[in-house]
Amino acid sequence: MRYLRDLREGDMLSETYLCKTKQAMQTKAGKNYYSLILQDRSGTIDGKIWDLGPGIDHFEAMDYIRVDAQIVSFQNALQMNIRRVHKCQEGEYDPKEYMPCTDKDVKELYQELTCYIKSMKNEYLRTLASSYFIENKEAAKAFANHSAAKSVHHGFMGGLLEHTVSVTRLCDYIAKNYPVVNRDLLLTAAMFHDVGKVRELSTFPENDYTDAGQLLGHIYMGAELINRLASEIPGFPEKLKHELIHCILAHHGELEFGSPKKPALVEALALSMADNLDAKLETMTELLNGTEEKGWLGFQKLFESNVRKTSES
């Protein structure tokens, strides 16, 4: 397969891509054409179909289409001029080739997560984490394949798992260095802190906010899930359940960042800092890896600063 990141001006190709968006438009002369955004796992490209003749199958956004096209340059960006379109049927494409995916080994990440669960000494927290991440195969599969965001950071298949394991690693480090922290509580909170995103965001290829996500948000939905799971475990301590839910409610750290509560427990504070650290460093990583520029990259709103790559010398 020819990935979009490898295409160059002048290339001719016959290849399959995901049609992310499709707009019917008109030129100034009144001629109809289609404007598309095509996607594979390496990125996206703008596409144009200027001649809507018999060689163009009927298709819609989120369909997989095989295109005969030429790569041109328009306003210093590559663009695909498409001459023919075949709408692909199931079995003619592998969806994983068209979604941004983690570059980590998903099986190894999940194995690491289960090792953290098995290392916990508190039987109630271990049982709660096991009931969702190990025993519930359907939930585990959905969690492993989900993204952690629509955009900004970890917005790719496996992103939720990658982010969760990274945050759990950081929290394990914190617990080892600060004895005041309840390790089992902090690790359980780390594993569950973004679990609501499985419902907040739809699966790929859409990866967009669901109605529940828009109305309730992942923090509430995560807290609701923990309350239900804990209530199904005989004898689960009420105070421990409230402490765990508090960590979820406070994991964004500040009210203005969406947390309904500010951290009142040391574990909630540690979780909010670990979550923020991993999110910010991944955001910076994606920004720097997404450009070949060597100098300053301009003002970046997310960091409220002008940023550049570190010198190699």
C-alpha atoms as a PDB file:
ATOM      1  CA  MET A   1       0.000   0.000   0.000  1.00  0.00           C
ATOM      2  CA  ARG A   2       1.183   3.527  -0.783  1.00  0.00           C
ATOM      3  CA  TYR A   3       0.737   5.586   2.353  1.00  0.00           C
ATOM      4  CA  LEU A   4      -0.160   9.249   2.055  1.00  0.00           C
ATOM      5  CA  ARG A   5       2.972  10.352   3.902  1.00  0.00           C
ATOM      6  CA  ASP A   6       5.108   8.810   1.121  1.00  0.00           C
ATOM      7  CA  LEU A   7       3.401  10.536  -1.820  1.00  0.00           C
ATOM      8  CA  ARG A   8       5.175  13.247  -3.788  1.00  0.00           C
ATOM      9  CA  GLU A   9       4.132  15.802  -6.381  1.00  0.00           C
ATOM     10  CA  GLY A  10       3.673  14.189  -9.800  1.00  0.00           C
ATOM     11  CA  ASP A  11       2.946  10.691  -8.491  1.00  0.00           C
ATOM     12  CA  MET A  12       0.260   8.670 -10.284  1.00  0.00           C
ATOM     13  CA  LEU A  13      -1.552   6.097  -8.205  1.00  0.00           C
ATOM     14  CA  SER A  14      -4.392   3.604  -7.988  1.00  0.00           C
ATOM     15  CA  GLU A  15      -4.982   2.994  -4.292  1.00  0.00           C
ATOM     16  CA  THR A  16      -7.661   2.665  -1.600  1.00  0.00           C
ATOM     17  CA  TYR A  17      -8.237   5.268   1.112  1.00  0.00           C
ATOM     18  CA  LEU A  18     -10.900   6.175   3.645  1.00  0.00           C
ATOM     19  CA  CYS A  19     -13.038   9.132   2.566  1.00  0.00           C
ATOM     20  CA  LYS A  20     -13.112  11.097   5.825  1.00  0.00           C
ATOM     21  CA  THR A  21     -15.250  13.954   4.488  1.00  0.00           C
ATOM     22  CA  LYS A  22     -17.079  14.734   1.248  1.00  0.00           C
ATOM     23  CA  GLN A  23     -18.490  18.085   0.149  1.00  0.00           C
ATOM     24  CA  ALA A  24     -20.394  18.877  -3.056  1.00  0.00           C
ATOM     25  CA  MET A  25     -19.214  22.287  -4.265  1.00  0.00           C
ATOM     26  CA  GLN A  26     -19.257  24.590  -7.305  1.00  0.00           C
ATOM     27  CA  THR A  27     -16.533  26.468  -9.119  1.00  0.00           C
ATOM     28  CA  LYS A  28     -16.948  30.181  -9.846  1.00  0.00           C
ATOM     29  CA  ALA A  29     -18.137  29.142 -13.294  1.00  0.00           C
ATOM     30  CA  GLY A  30     -20.916  27.041 -11.749  1.00  0.00           C
ATOM     31  CA  LYS A  31     -19.377  23.615 -12.422  1.00  0.00           C
ATOM     32  CA  ASN A  32     -20.068  20.967  -9.767  1.00  0.00           C
ATOM     33  CA  TYR A  33     -17.178  19.104  -8.117  1.00  0.00           C
ATOM     34  CA  TYR A  34     -16.400  17.124  -4.950  1.00  0.00           C
ATOM     35  CA  SER A  35     -13.952  18.193  -2.282  1.00  0.00           C
ATOM     36  CA  LEU A  36     -12.693  15.305  -0.122  1.00  0.00           C
ATOM     37  CA  ILE A  37     -10.429  14.579   2.787  1.00  0.00           C
ATOM     38  CA  LEU A  38      -8.818  11.173   2.313  1.00  0.00           C
ATOM     39  CA  GLN A  39      -7.144   9.297   5.149  1.00  0.00           C
ATOM     40  CA  ASP A  40      -4.913   6.349   5.900  1.00  0.00           C
ATOM     41  CA  ARG A  41      -2.962   5.471   9.024  1.00  0.00           C
ATOM     42  CA  SER A  42      -0.166   7.873   8.044  1.00  0.00           C
ATOM     43  CA  GLY A  43      -2.304  11.005   7.741  1.00  0.00           C
ATOM     44  CA  THR A  44      -4.747  12.874   5.508  1.00  0.00           C
ATOM     45  CA  ILE A  45      -4.749  14.670   2.165  1.00  0.00           C
ATOM     46  CA  ASP A  46      -7.107  17.038   0.358  1.00  0.00           C
ATOM     47  CA  GLY A  47      -8.700  15.500  -2.729  1.00  0.00           C
ATOM     48  CA  LYS A  48     -10.680  16.963  -5.616  1.00  0.00           C
ATOM     49  CA  ILE A  49     -12.924  15.296  -8.196  1.00  0.00           C
ATOM     50  CA  TRP A  50     -13.353  17.882 -10.938  1.00  0.00           C
ATOM     51  CA  ASP A  51     -15.143  15.688 -13.499  1.00  0.00           C
ATOM     52  CA  LEU A  52     -18.242  13.959 -12.058  1.00  0.00           C
ATOM     53  CA  GLY A  53     -18.592  11.594 -14.999  1.00  0.00           C
ATOM     54  CA  PRO A  54     -19.463   7.860 -15.291  1.00  0.00           C
ATOM     55  CA  GLY A  55     -16.096   6.776 -13.831  1.00  0.00           C
ATOM     56  CA  ILE A  56     -17.138   8.035 -10.404  1.00  0.00           C
ATOM     57  CA  ASP A  57     -19.046   5.503  -8.268  1.00  0.00           C
ATOM     58  CA  HIS A  58     -21.613   6.816  -5.788  1.00  0.00           C
ATOM     59  CA  PHE A  59     -20.021   7.068  -2.345  1.00  0.00           C
ATOM     60  CA  GLU A  60     -20.366   8.994   0.899  1.00  0.00           C
ATOM     61  CA  ALA A  61     -18.156  10.151   3.733  1.00  0.00           C
ATOM     62  CA  MET A  62     -16.745   7.245   5.781  1.00  0.00           C
ATOM     63  CA  ASP A  63     -16.737   4.939   2.745  1.00  0.00           C
ATOM     64  CA  TYR A  64     -13.556   3.253   1.573  1.00  0.00           C
ATOM     65  CA  ILE A  65     -12.830   4.201  -2.024  1.00  0.00           C
ATOM     66  CA  ARG A  66     -10.240   3.109  -4.576  1.00  0.00           C
ATOM     67  CA  VAL A  67      -9.057   6.108  -6.571  1.00  0.00           C
ATOM     68  CA  ASP A  68      -7.084   6.653  -9.756  1.00  0.00           C
ATOM     69  CA  ALA A  69      -5.390   9.973  -9.183  1.00  0.00           C
ATOM     70  CA  GLN A  70      -2.419  12.281  -9.620  1.00  0.00           C
ATOM     71  CA  ILE A  71      -0.660  14.166  -6.839  1.00  0.00           C
ATOM     72  CA  VAL A  72      -0.285  17.901  -7.462  1.00  0.00           C
ATOM     73  CA  SER A  73       0.840  20.853  -5.367  1.00  0.00           C
ATOM     74  CA  PHE A  74      -1.640  23.588  -4.485  1.00  0.00           C
ATOM     75  CA  GLN A  75      -0.786  26.512  -2.209  1.00  0.00           C
ATOM     76  CA  ASN A  76       2.329  24.698  -0.960  1.00  0.00           C
ATOM     77  CA  ALA A  77       0.373  21.576   0.041  1.00  0.00           C
ATOM     78  CA  LEU A  78      -0.089  18.264  -1.747  1.00  0.00           C
ATOM     79  CA  GLN A  79      -3.500  17.603  -3.260  1.00  0.00           C
ATOM     80  CA  MET A  80      -4.973  14.582  -5.013  1.00  0.00           C
ATOM     81  CA  ASN A  81      -6.687  15.139  -8.370  1.00  0.00           C
ATOM     82  CA  ILE A  82      -8.996  12.135  -8.693  1.00  0.00           C
ATOM     83  CA  ARG A  83     -10.115  10.799 -12.091  1.00  0.00           C
ATOM     84  CA  ARG A  84     -11.871   7.546 -11.152  1.00  0.00           C
ATOM     85  CA  VAL A  85     -13.534   6.243  -7.970  1.00  0.00           C
ATOM     86  CA  HIS A  86     -14.566   2.698  -7.058  1.00  0.00           C
ATOM     87  CA  LYS A  87     -16.518   2.257  -3.826  1.00  0.00           C
ATOM     88  CA  CYS A  88     -14.961  -0.692  -1.992  1.00  0.00           C
ATOM     89  CA  GLN A  89     -16.972  -3.467  -0.392  1.00  0.00           C
ATOM     90  CA  GLU A  90     -16.209  -5.211   2.891  1.00  0.00           C
ATOM     91  CA  GLY A  91     -13.279  -7.542   2.402  1.00  0.00           C
ATOM     92  CA  GLU A  92     -11.560  -5.278  -0.144  1.00  0.00           C
ATOM     93  CA  TYR A  93      -9.689  -3.330   2.550  1.00  0.00           C
ATOM     94  CA  ASP A  94      -8.164  -3.738   6.008  1.00  0.00           C
ATOM     95  CA  PRO A  95      -9.578  -1.009   8.326  1.00  0.00           C
ATOM     96  CA  LYS A  96      -6.379  -0.945  10.401  1.00  0.00           C
ATOM     97  CA  GLU A  97      -4.503   0.462   7.396  1.00  0.00           C
ATOM     98  CA  TYR A  98      -6.682   3.562   7.445  1.00  0.00           C
ATOM     99  CA  MET A  99      -6.777   4.522  11.119  1.00  0.00           C
ATOM    100  CA  PRO A 100      -4.002   6.231  13.032  1.00  0.00           C
ATOM    101  CA  CYS A 101      -2.682   3.578  15.437  1.00  0.00           C
ATOM    102  CA  THR A 102      -0.335   3.398  18.363  1.00  0.00           C
ATOM    103  CA  ASP A 103       3.195   2.389  17.417  1.00  0.00           C
ATOM    104  CA  LYS A 104       3.398   0.379  20.655  1.00  0.00           C
ATOM    105  CA  ASP A 105       2.628  -3.345  20.959  1.00  0.00           C
ATOM    106  CA  VAL A 106      -0.981  -3.461  22.195  1.00  0.00           C
ATOM    107  CA  LYS A 107      -0.610  -6.963  23.644  1.00  0.00           C
ATOM    108  CA  GLU A 108       2.458  -5.932  25.619  1.00  0.00           C
ATOM    109  CA  LEU A 109       0.718  -2.807  26.898  1.00  0.00           C
ATOM    110  CA  TYR A 110      -2.278  -4.815  28.051  1.00  0.00           C
ATOM    111  CA  GLN A 111      -0.032  -7.402  29.687  1.00  0.00           C
ATOM    112  CA  GLU A 112       1.670  -4.598  31.603  1.00  0.00           C
ATOM    113  CA  LEU A 113      -1.710  -3.297  32.744  1.00  0.00           C
ATOM    114  CA  THR A 114      -2.767  -6.733  34.014  1.00  0.00           C
ATOM    115  CA  CYS A 115       0.552  -7.099  35.873  1.00  0.00           C
ATOM    116  CA  TYR A 116      -0.191  -3.890  37.770  1.00  0.00           C
ATOM    117  CA  ILE A 117      -3.610  -5.286  38.679  1.00  0.00           C
ATOM    118  CA  LYS A 118      -2.161  -8.572  39.945  1.00  0.00           C
ATOM    119  CA  SER A 119       0.428  -6.696  42.027  1.00  0.00           C
ATOM    120  CA  MET A 120      -2.206  -4.890  44.103  1.00  0.00           C
ATOM    121  CA  LYS A 121      -2.612  -6.062  47.696  1.00  0.00           C
ATOM    122  CA  ASN A 122      -6.067  -4.596  48.412  1.00  0.00           C
ATOM    123  CA  GLU A 123      -8.505  -7.363  47.512  1.00  0.00           C
ATOM    124  CA  TYR A 124     -11.405  -5.002  46.788  1.00  0.00           C
ATOM    125  CA  LEU A 125      -9.468  -2.761  44.401  1.00  0.00           C
ATOM    126  CA  ARG A 126      -7.819  -5.766  42.725  1.00  0.00           C
ATOM    127  CA  THR A 127     -11.212  -7.436  42.260  1.00  0.00           C
ATOM    128  CA  LEU A 128     -12.726  -4.242  40.861  1.00  0.00           C
ATOM    129  CA  ALA A 129      -9.924  -3.711  38.319  1.00  0.00           C
ATOM    130  CA  SER A 130      -9.929  -7.400  37.356  1.00  0.00           C
ATOM    131  CA  SER A 131     -13.683  -7.414  36.791  1.00  0.00           C
ATOM    132  CA  TYR A 132     -13.372  -4.796  34.052  1.00  0.00           C
ATOM    133  CA  PHE A 133      -9.913  -5.153  32.501  1.00  0.00           C
ATOM    134  CA  ILE A 134      -9.445  -8.934  32.719  1.00  0.00           C
ATOM    135  CA  GLU A 135     -12.745 -10.781  33.175  1.00  0.00           C
ATOM    136  CA  ASN A 136     -14.900  -8.620  30.883  1.00  0.00           C
ATOM    137  CA  LYS A 137     -13.427  -9.609  27.499  1.00  0.00           C
ATOM    138  CA  GLU A 138     -15.739  -7.343  25.501  1.00  0.00           C
ATOM    139  CA  ALA A 139     -14.884  -4.294  27.617  1.00  0.00           C
ATOM    140  CA  ALA A 140     -11.177  -5.129  27.487  1.00  0.00           C
ATOM    141  CA  LYS A 141     -11.220  -5.346  23.680  1.00  0.00           C
ATOM    142  CA  ALA A 142     -13.069  -2.036  23.320  1.00  0.00           C
ATOM    143  CA  PHE A 143     -10.685  -0.331  25.758  1.00  0.00           C
ATOM    144  CA  ALA A 144      -7.584  -1.641  23.973  1.00  0.00           C
ATOM    145  CA  ASN A 145      -8.734  -0.375  20.547  1.00  0.00           C
ATOM    146  CA  HIS A 146     -10.119   3.009  21.602  1.00  0.00           C
ATOM    147  CA  SER A 147      -8.595   6.462  21.283  1.00  0.00           C
ATOM    148  CA  ALA A 148      -7.997   8.787  24.209  1.00  0.00           C
ATOM    149  CA  ALA A 149      -9.199  11.893  22.390  1.00  0.00           C
ATOM    150  CA  LYS A 150     -10.779  13.239  19.231  1.00  0.00           C
ATOM    151  CA  SER A 151      -7.638  15.294  18.755  1.00  0.00           C
ATOM    152  CA  VAL A 152      -4.852  16.940  20.839  1.00  0.00           C
ATOM    153  CA  HIS A 153      -3.185  13.795  22.278  1.00  0.00           C
ATOM    154  CA  HIS A 154      -3.453  10.018  21.831  1.00  0.00           C
ATOM    155  CA  GLY A 155      -6.198  10.484  19.230  1.00  0.00           C
ATOM    156  CA  PHE A 156      -5.507   7.137  17.563  1.00  0.00           C
ATOM    157  CA  MET A 157      -6.435   3.451  17.882  1.00  0.00           C
ATOM    158  CA  GLY A 158      -4.823   2.102  21.019  1.00  0.00           C
ATOM    159  CA  GLY A 159      -4.312   5.641  22.293  1.00  0.00           C
ATOM    160  CA  LEU A 160      -6.496   5.138  25.354  1.00  0.00           C
ATOM    161  CA  LEU A 161      -4.538   2.049  26.394  1.00  0.00           C
ATOM    162  CA  GLU A 162      -1.176   3.691  25.676  1.00  0.00           C
ATOM    163  CA  HIS A 163      -2.102   6.782  27.711  1.00  0.00           C
ATOM    164  CA  THR A 164      -3.557   4.726  30.560  1.00  0.00           C
ATOM    165  CA  VAL A 165      -0.468   2.532  30.865  1.00  0.00           C
ATOM    166  CA  SER A 166       1.805   5.589  30.754  1.00  0.00           C
ATOM    167  CA  VAL A 167      -0.163   7.300  33.523  1.00  0.00           C
ATOM    168  CA  THR A 168      -0.196   4.093  35.582  1.00  0.00           C
ATOM    169  CA  ARG A 169       3.602   3.797  35.207  1.00  0.00           C
ATOM    170  CA  LEU A 170       4.043   7.358  36.426  1.00  0.00           C
ATOM    171  CA  CYS A 171       1.712   6.719  39.353  1.00  0.00           C
ATOM    172  CA  ASP A 172       3.615   3.549  40.285  1.00  0.00           C
ATOM    173  CA  TYR A 173       6.816   5.607  40.327  1.00  0.00           C
ATOM    174  CA  ILE A 174       5.180   8.250  42.502  1.00  0.00           C
ATOM    175  CA  ALA A 175       3.902   5.644  44.955  1.00  0.00           C
ATOM    176  CA  LYS A 176       7.371   4.114  45.294  1.00  0.00           C
ATOM    177  CA  ASN A 177       8.937   7.491  46.069  1.00  0.00           C
ATOM    178  CA  TYR A 178       6.238   8.989  48.303  1.00  0.00           C
ATOM    179  CA  PRO A 179       5.192   6.530  51.050  1.00  0.00           C
ATOM    180  CA  VAL A 180       2.249   8.765  52.003  1.00  0.00           C
ATOM    181  CA  VAL A 181       0.501   7.601  48.816  1.00  0.00           C
ATOM    182  CA  ASN A 182      -1.826   4.578  48.870  1.00  0.00           C
ATOM    183  CA  ARG A 183      -0.369   2.710  45.886  1.00  0.00           C
ATOM    184  CA  ASP A 184      -3.343   0.442  45.223  1.00  0.00           C
ATOM    185  CA  LEU A 185      -5.802   3.340  45.288  1.00  0.00           C
ATOM    186  CA  LEU A 186      -3.625   5.470  43.027  1.00  0.00           C
ATOM    187  CA  LEU A 187      -2.995   2.681  40.491  1.00  0.00           C
ATOM    188  CA  THR A 188      -6.677   1.750  40.332  1.00  0.00           C
ATOM    189  CA  ALA A 189      -7.595   5.395  39.798  1.00  0.00           C
ATOM    190  CA  ALA A 190      -4.945   5.663  37.059  1.00  0.00           C
ATOM    191  CA  MET A 191      -6.344   2.628  35.239  1.00  0.00           C
ATOM    192  CA  PHE A 192      -9.909   3.935  35.381  1.00  0.00           C
ATOM    193  CA  HIS A 193      -9.340   7.693  35.070  1.00  0.00           C
ATOM    194  CA  ASP A 194     -10.267   7.865  31.359  1.00  0.00           C
ATOM    195  CA  VAL A 195     -12.423   4.738  31.076  1.00  0.00           C
ATOM    196  CA  GLY A 196     -15.459   6.925  30.346  1.00  0.00           C
ATOM    197  CA  LYS A 197     -13.926   7.808  26.980  1.00  0.00           C
ATOM    198  CA  VAL A 198     -15.043   4.423  25.646  1.00  0.00           C
ATOM    199  CA  ARG A 199     -18.564   5.883  25.769  1.00  0.00           C
ATOM    200  CA  GLU A 200     -17.665   9.540  25.288  1.00  0.00           C
ATOM    201  CA  LEU A 201     -16.096   8.934  21.858  1.00  0.00           C
ATOM    202  CA  SER A 202     -17.373   6.741  19.045  1.00  0.00           C
ATOM    203  CA  THR A 203     -15.164   4.048  17.545  1.00  0.00           C
ATOM    204  CA  PHE A 204     -13.069   4.580  14.431  1.00  0.00           C
ATOM    205  CA  PRO A 205     -13.397   5.653  11.712  1.00  0.00           C
ATOM    206  CA  GLU A 206     -15.646   8.376  13.181  1.00  0.00           C
ATOM    207  CA  ASN A 207     -13.815   8.898  16.511  1.00  0.00           C
ATOM    208  CA  ASP A 208     -16.214  11.722  17.366  1.00  0.00           C
ATOM    209  CA  TYR A 209     -18.232  12.722  20.414  1.00  0.00           C
ATOM    210  CA  THR A 210     -21.334  10.650  21.071  1.00  0.00           C
ATOM    211  CA  ASP A 211     -24.571  12.156  22.396  1.00  0.00           C
ATOM    212  CA  ALA A 212     -23.719  10.753  25.830  1.00  0.00           C
ATOM    213  CA  GLY A 213     -20.232  12.187  25.528  1.00  0.00           C
ATOM    214  CA  GLN A 214     -21.556  15.643  24.721  1.00  0.00           C
ATOM    215  CA  LEU A 215     -24.192  15.589  27.458  1.00  0.00           C
ATOM    216  CA  LEU A 216     -22.367  13.794  30.278  1.00  0.00           C
ATOM    217  CA  GLY A 217     -18.630  13.640  29.572  1.00  0.00           C
ATOM    218  CA  HIS A 218     -16.082  10.950  30.367  1.00  0.00           C
ATOM    219  CA  ILE A 219     -15.430  12.067  33.955  1.00  0.00           C
ATOM    220  CA  TYR A 220     -19.036  11.544  35.027  1.00  0.00           C
ATOM    221  CA  MET A 221     -19.353   8.307  33.048  1.00  0.00           C
ATOM    222  CA  GLY A 222     -16.147   6.931  34.566  1.00  0.00           C
ATOM    223  CA  ALA A 223     -17.313   7.752  38.077  1.00  0.00           C
ATOM    224  CA  GLU A 224     -20.695   6.164  37.348  1.00  0.00           C
ATOM    225  CA  LEU A 225     -19.012   2.954  36.119  1.00  0.00           C
ATOM    226  CA  ILE A 226     -16.841   2.672  39.219  1.00  0.00           C
ATOM    227  CA  ASN A 227     -19.846   3.196  41.486  1.00  0.00           C
ATOM    228  CA  ARG A 228     -21.672   0.355  39.710  1.00  0.00           C
ATOM    229  CA  LEU A 229     -18.713  -2.042  39.665  1.00  0.00           C
ATOM    230  CA  ALA A 230     -17.889  -1.425  43.327  1.00  0.00           C
ATOM    231  CA  SER A 231     -21.517  -1.899  44.328  1.00  0.00           C
ATOM    232  CA  GLU A 232     -21.460  -5.368  42.738  1.00  0.00           C
ATOM    233  CA  ILE A 233     -18.554  -6.500  44.956  1.00  0.00           C
ATOM    234  CA  PRO A 234     -19.774  -7.801  48.330  1.00  0.00           C
ATOM    235  CA  GLY A 235     -18.378  -5.831  51.255  1.00  0.00           C
ATOM    236  CA  PHE A 236     -16.640  -3.164  49.155  1.00  0.00           C
ATOM    237  CA  PRO A 237     -15.874  -0.395  51.699  1.00  0.00           C
ATOM    238  CA  GLU A 238     -18.015   2.702  51.139  1.00  0.00           C
ATOM    239  CA  LYS A 239     -15.230   5.089  52.128  1.00  0.00           C
ATOM    240  CA  LEU A 240     -12.788   3.424  49.706  1.00  0.00           C
ATOM    241  CA  LYS A 241     -15.361   3.651  46.900  1.00  0.00           C
ATOM    242  CA  HIS A 242     -15.821   7.372  47.543  1.00  0.00           C
ATOM    243  CA  GLU A 243     -12.054   7.948  47.590  1.00  0.00           C
ATOM    244  CA  LEU A 244     -11.648   6.171  44.256  1.00  0.00           C
ATOM    245  CA  ILE A 245     -14.534   8.064  42.676  1.00  0.00           C
ATOM    246  CA  HIS A 246     -13.093  11.335  44.004  1.00  0.00           C
ATOM    247  CA  CYS A 247      -9.817  10.613  42.198  1.00  0.00           C
ATOM    248  CA  ILE A 248     -11.745  10.217  38.951  1.00  0.00           C
ATOM    249  CA  LEU A 249     -13.788  13.378  39.518  1.00  0.00           C
ATOM    250  CA  ALA A 250     -10.666  15.425  40.287  1.00  0.00           C
ATOM    251  CA  HIS A 251      -8.216  14.047  37.724  1.00  0.00           C
ATOM    252  CA  HIS A 252      -8.247  17.162  35.525  1.00  0.00           C
ATOM    253  CA  GLY A 253      -6.951  19.072  38.513  1.00  0.00           C
ATOM    254  CA  GLU A 254      -8.856  22.324  38.144  1.00  0.00           C
ATOM    255  CA  LEU A 255     -12.519  23.245  37.852  1.00  0.00           C
ATOM    256  CA  GLU A 256     -11.830  25.250  34.697  1.00  0.00           C
ATOM    257  CA  PHE A 257     -10.343  22.132  33.065  1.00  0.00           C
ATOM    258  CA  GLY A 258     -13.562  20.158  33.532  1.00  0.00           C
ATOM    259  CA  SER A 259     -13.072  18.531  36.931  1.00  0.00           C
ATOM    260  CA  PRO A 260     -16.212  18.824  39.092  1.00  0.00           C
ATOM    261  CA  LYS A 261     -13.933  18.553  42.151  1.00  0.00           C
ATOM    262  CA  LYS A 262     -10.409  19.760  42.922  1.00  0.00           C
ATOM    263  CA  PRO A 263      -8.034  17.167  44.423  1.00  0.00           C
ATOM    264  CA  ALA A 264      -8.646  16.662  48.135  1.00  0.00           C
ATOM    265  CA  LEU A 265      -6.595  13.452  48.493  1.00  0.00           C
ATOM    266  CA  VAL A 266      -2.887  13.007  47.842  1.00  0.00           C
ATOM    267  CA  GLU A 267      -3.752  10.216  45.375  1.00  0.00           C
ATOM    268  CA  ALA A 268      -6.088  12.540  43.462  1.00  0.00           C
ATOM    269  CA  LEU A 269      -3.343  15.175  43.315  1.00  0.00           C
ATOM    270  CA  ALA A 270      -0.777  12.639  42.107  1.00  0.00           C
ATOM    271  CA  LEU A 271      -3.161  11.306  39.449  1.00  0.00           C
ATOM    272  CA  SER A 272      -3.983  14.771  38.093  1.00  0.00           C
ATOM    273  CA  MET A 273      -0.272  15.593  37.767  1.00  0.00           C
ATOM    274  CA  ALA A 274       0.603  12.273  36.115  1.00  0.00           C
ATOM    275  CA  ASP A 275      -2.305  12.628  33.684  1.00  0.00           C
ATOM    276  CA  ASN A 276      -1.301  16.173  32.786  1.00  0.00           C
ATOM    277  CA  LEU A 277       2.362  15.222  32.363  1.00  0.00           C
ATOM    278  CA  ASP A 278       1.668  12.376  29.946  1.00  0.00           C
ATOM    279  CA  ALA A 279      -0.927  14.367  27.992  1.00  0.00           C
ATOM    280  CA  LYS A 280       1.351  17.395  27.588  1.00  0.00           C
ATOM    281  CA  LEU A 281       4.438  15.418  26.614  1.00  0.00           C
ATOM    282  CA  GLU A 282       2.468  13.352  24.075  1.00  0.00           C
ATOM    283  CA  THR A 283       0.972  16.550  22.640  1.00  0.00           C
ATOM    284  CA  MET A 284       4.456  18.017  22.256  1.00  0.00           C
ATOM    285  CA  THR A 285       5.726  14.743  20.757  1.00  0.00           C
ATOM    286  CA  GLU A 286       2.964  14.671  18.145  1.00  0.00           C
ATOM    287  CA  LEU A 287       3.592  18.338  17.320  1.00  0.00           C
ATOM    288  CA  LEU A 288       7.339  17.878  16.830  1.00  0.00           C
ATOM    289  CA  ASN A 289       7.013  14.598  14.924  1.00  0.00           C
ATOM    290  CA  GLY A 290       4.422  16.128  12.616  1.00  0.00           C
ATOM    291  CA  THR A 291       6.809  18.594  11.013  1.00  0.00           C
ATOM    292  CA  GLU A 292      10.191  18.572   9.284  1.00  0.00           C
ATOM    293  CA  GLU A 293      10.851  22.169  10.300  1.00  0.00           C
ATOM    294  CA  LYS A 294      14.096  22.647  12.228  1.00  0.00           C
ATOM    295  CA  GLY A 295      13.457  26.139  13.531  1.00  0.00           C
ATOM    296  CA  TRP A 296      10.748  27.766  15.595  1.00  0.00           C
ATOM    297  CA  LEU A 297       7.258  26.427  14.935  1.00  0.00           C
ATOM    298  CA  GLY A 298       5.317  29.529  15.910  1.00  0.00           C
ATOM    299  CA  PHE A 299       2.998  30.199  18.830  1.00  0.00           C
ATOM    300  CA  GLN A 300       1.241  27.059  20.050  1.00  0.00           C
ATOM    301  CA  LYS A 301      -1.995  27.795  21.887  1.00  0.00           C
ATOM    302  CA  LEU A 302      -1.951  24.579  23.887  1.00  0.00           C
ATOM    303  CA  PHE A 303       1.395  25.527  25.411  1.00  0.00           C
ATOM    304  CA  GLU A 304       0.904  29.310  25.333  1.00  0.00           C
ATOM    305  CA  SER A 305       4.394  29.579  23.909  1.00  0.00           C
ATOM    306  CA  ASN A 306       6.459  29.607  20.739  1.00  0.00           C
ATOM    307  CA  VAL A 307       8.185  26.202  20.517  1.00  0.00           C
ATOM    308  CA  ARG A 308      10.937  24.519  18.519  1.00  0.00           C
ATOM    309  CA  LYS A 309      12.773  21.225  18.331  1.00  0.00           C
ATOM    310  CA  THR A 310      15.751  20.721  20.597  1.00  0.00           C
ATOM    311  CA  SER A 311      19.117  21.115  18.849  1.00  0.00           C
ATOM    312  CA  GLU A 312      20.844  17.870  17.934  1.00  0.00           C
ATOM    313  CA  SER A 313      24.373  18.949  18.876  1.00  0.00           C
END
